Amino acid sequence: MARQSDAFTRANGAIDVGSLTVNGGGSTVINTGSVSATNDVTFDDAVATGTDVTFTSRTSNVVFNQTLTNTNKAVAVNSPG
């Protein structure tokens, strides 16, 4: 799944896809407890979490190319890469 936006992306439900790329140019808010992919999980824009969240790549990498901001929320990253 690729998402490109010059503004704002919000994820409010669990995500489980083959791969996930959110291109830069805006910001992303994660309001779900799980973001999972078989392959890469890549965020090219700023990411903020509104809840405790686990980012998982089952076979590759989880990459944050900009800031990751959490407001007293737990963030876990699981990746073999």
C-alpha atoms as a PDB file:
ATOM      1  CA  MET A   1       0.000   0.000   0.000  1.00  0.00           C
ATOM      2  CA  ALA A   2       1.419   3.378  -0.957  1.00  0.00           C
ATOM      3  CA  ARG A   3      -0.036   6.646   0.242  1.00  0.00           C
ATOM      4  CA  GLN A   4       1.174   9.994  -1.044  1.00  0.00           C
ATOM      5  CA  SER A   5      -0.192  13.203   0.324  1.00  0.00           C
ATOM      6  CA  ASP A   6       1.011  16.766   0.543  1.00  0.00           C
ATOM      7  CA  ALA A   7      -1.109  17.265   3.616  1.00  0.00           C
ATOM      8  CA  PHE A   8      -2.303  14.812   6.222  1.00  0.00           C
ATOM      9  CA  THR A   9      -2.796  11.057   6.531  1.00  0.00           C
ATOM     10  CA  ARG A  10      -4.687   9.475   9.444  1.00  0.00           C
ATOM     11  CA  ALA A  11      -4.862   5.775  10.306  1.00  0.00           C
ATOM     12  CA  ASN A  12      -7.685   4.906  12.697  1.00  0.00           C
ATOM     13  CA  GLY A  13      -7.956   1.139  12.266  1.00  0.00           C
ATOM     14  CA  ALA A  14      -5.520  -1.759  12.402  1.00  0.00           C
ATOM     15  CA  ILE A  15      -3.328  -1.986   9.315  1.00  0.00           C
ATOM     16  CA  ASP A  16      -1.986  -5.290   7.963  1.00  0.00           C
ATOM     17  CA  VAL A  17      -0.728  -5.155   4.375  1.00  0.00           C
ATOM     18  CA  GLY A  18       1.974  -6.569   2.100  1.00  0.00           C
ATOM     19  CA  SER A  19       4.046  -3.383   2.374  1.00  0.00           C
ATOM     20  CA  LEU A  20       3.370   0.173   3.488  1.00  0.00           C
ATOM     21  CA  THR A  21       4.937   3.384   2.206  1.00  0.00           C
ATOM     22  CA  VAL A  22       3.687   6.808   3.242  1.00  0.00           C
ATOM     23  CA  ASN A  23       5.457   9.398   1.088  1.00  0.00           C
ATOM     24  CA  GLY A  24       6.679  12.722   2.429  1.00  0.00           C
ATOM     25  CA  GLY A  25       5.160  16.113   2.069  1.00  0.00           C
ATOM     26  CA  GLY A  26       2.755  16.063   4.970  1.00  0.00           C
ATOM     27  CA  SER A  27       2.213  14.320   8.274  1.00  0.00           C
ATOM     28  CA  THR A  28       0.713  11.065   9.506  1.00  0.00           C
ATOM     29  CA  VAL A  29      -1.249  10.398  12.708  1.00  0.00           C
ATOM     30  CA  ILE A  30      -1.532   6.801  13.898  1.00  0.00           C
ATOM     31  CA  ASN A  31      -4.570   6.121  16.100  1.00  0.00           C
ATOM     32  CA  THR A  32      -4.419   2.338  16.035  1.00  0.00           C
ATOM     33  CA  GLY A  33      -2.576  -0.220  18.108  1.00  0.00           C
ATOM     34  CA  SER A  34      -1.068  -2.155  15.203  1.00  0.00           C
ATOM     35  CA  VAL A  35       0.651  -1.298  11.914  1.00  0.00           C
ATOM     36  CA  SER A  36       1.924  -4.503  10.295  1.00  0.00           C
ATOM     37  CA  ALA A  37       3.309  -5.528   6.931  1.00  0.00           C
ATOM     38  CA  THR A  38       4.913  -8.581   5.417  1.00  0.00           C
ATOM     39  CA  ASN A  39       7.600  -6.393   3.812  1.00  0.00           C
ATOM     40  CA  ASP A  40       8.829  -2.817   4.408  1.00  0.00           C
ATOM     41  CA  VAL A  41       7.005  -0.257   6.521  1.00  0.00           C
ATOM     42  CA  THR A  42       8.298   3.193   5.520  1.00  0.00           C
ATOM     43  CA  PHE A  43       7.189   6.646   6.624  1.00  0.00           C
ATOM     44  CA  ASP A  44       8.748   9.512   4.648  1.00  0.00           C
ATOM     45  CA  ASP A  45       6.834  12.180   6.553  1.00  0.00           C
ATOM     46  CA  ALA A  46       6.467  13.112  10.222  1.00  0.00           C
ATOM     47  CA  VAL A  47       4.531  10.545  12.278  1.00  0.00           C
ATOM     48  CA  ALA A  48       2.618  11.180  15.508  1.00  0.00           C
ATOM     49  CA  THR A  49       0.945   8.512  17.615  1.00  0.00           C
ATOM     50  CA  GLY A  50      -2.338   9.071  19.416  1.00  0.00           C
ATOM     51  CA  THR A  51      -2.356   5.673  21.132  1.00  0.00           C
ATOM     52  CA  ASP A  52       0.039   2.902  22.141  1.00  0.00           C
ATOM     53  CA  VAL A  53       1.190   1.291  18.901  1.00  0.00           C
ATOM     54  CA  THR A  54       3.349  -1.531  17.583  1.00  0.00           C
ATOM     55  CA  PHE A  55       4.939  -1.191  14.128  1.00  0.00           C
ATOM     56  CA  THR A  56       5.865  -4.585  12.632  1.00  0.00           C
ATOM     57  CA  SER A  57       7.576  -5.797   9.490  1.00  0.00           C
ATOM     58  CA  ARG A  58       7.575  -9.581   9.374  1.00  0.00           C
ATOM     59  CA  THR A  59      10.416  -9.912   6.817  1.00  0.00           C
ATOM     60  CA  SER A  60      12.068  -6.520   6.339  1.00  0.00           C
ATOM     61  CA  ASN A  61      12.479  -3.039   7.880  1.00  0.00           C
ATOM     62  CA  VAL A  62      10.432  -0.418   9.695  1.00  0.00           C
ATOM     63  CA  VAL A  63      11.793   3.014   8.735  1.00  0.00           C
ATOM     64  CA  PHE A  64      10.925   6.516   9.959  1.00  0.00           C
ATOM     65  CA  ASN A  65      12.678   9.058   7.708  1.00  0.00           C
ATOM     66  CA  GLN A  66      11.314  12.062   9.636  1.00  0.00           C
ATOM     67  CA  THR A  67      10.287  12.585  13.252  1.00  0.00           C
ATOM     68  CA  LEU A  68       8.291  10.116  15.322  1.00  0.00           C
ATOM     69  CA  THR A  69       6.361  11.873  18.079  1.00  0.00           C
ATOM     70  CA  ASN A  70       4.429  10.164  20.833  1.00  0.00           C
ATOM     71  CA  THR A  71       2.593  11.895  23.653  1.00  0.00           C
ATOM     72  CA  ASN A  72       3.236   9.602  26.610  1.00  0.00           C
ATOM     73  CA  LYS A  73       2.270   6.601  24.494  1.00  0.00           C
ATOM     74  CA  ALA A  74       4.174   3.337  24.196  1.00  0.00           C
ATOM     75  CA  VAL A  75       5.764   2.681  20.793  1.00  0.00           C
ATOM     76  CA  ALA A  76       7.269  -0.684  19.848  1.00  0.00           C
ATOM     77  CA  VAL A  77       9.034  -1.604  16.611  1.00  0.00           C
ATOM     78  CA  ASN A  78       9.434  -5.232  15.571  1.00  0.00           C
ATOM     79  CA  SER A  79      11.608  -5.996  12.576  1.00  0.00           C
ATOM     80  CA  PRO A  80      14.161  -8.613  11.589  1.00  0.00           C
ATOM     81  CA  GLY A  81      15.932  -6.030   9.373  1.00  0.00           C
END
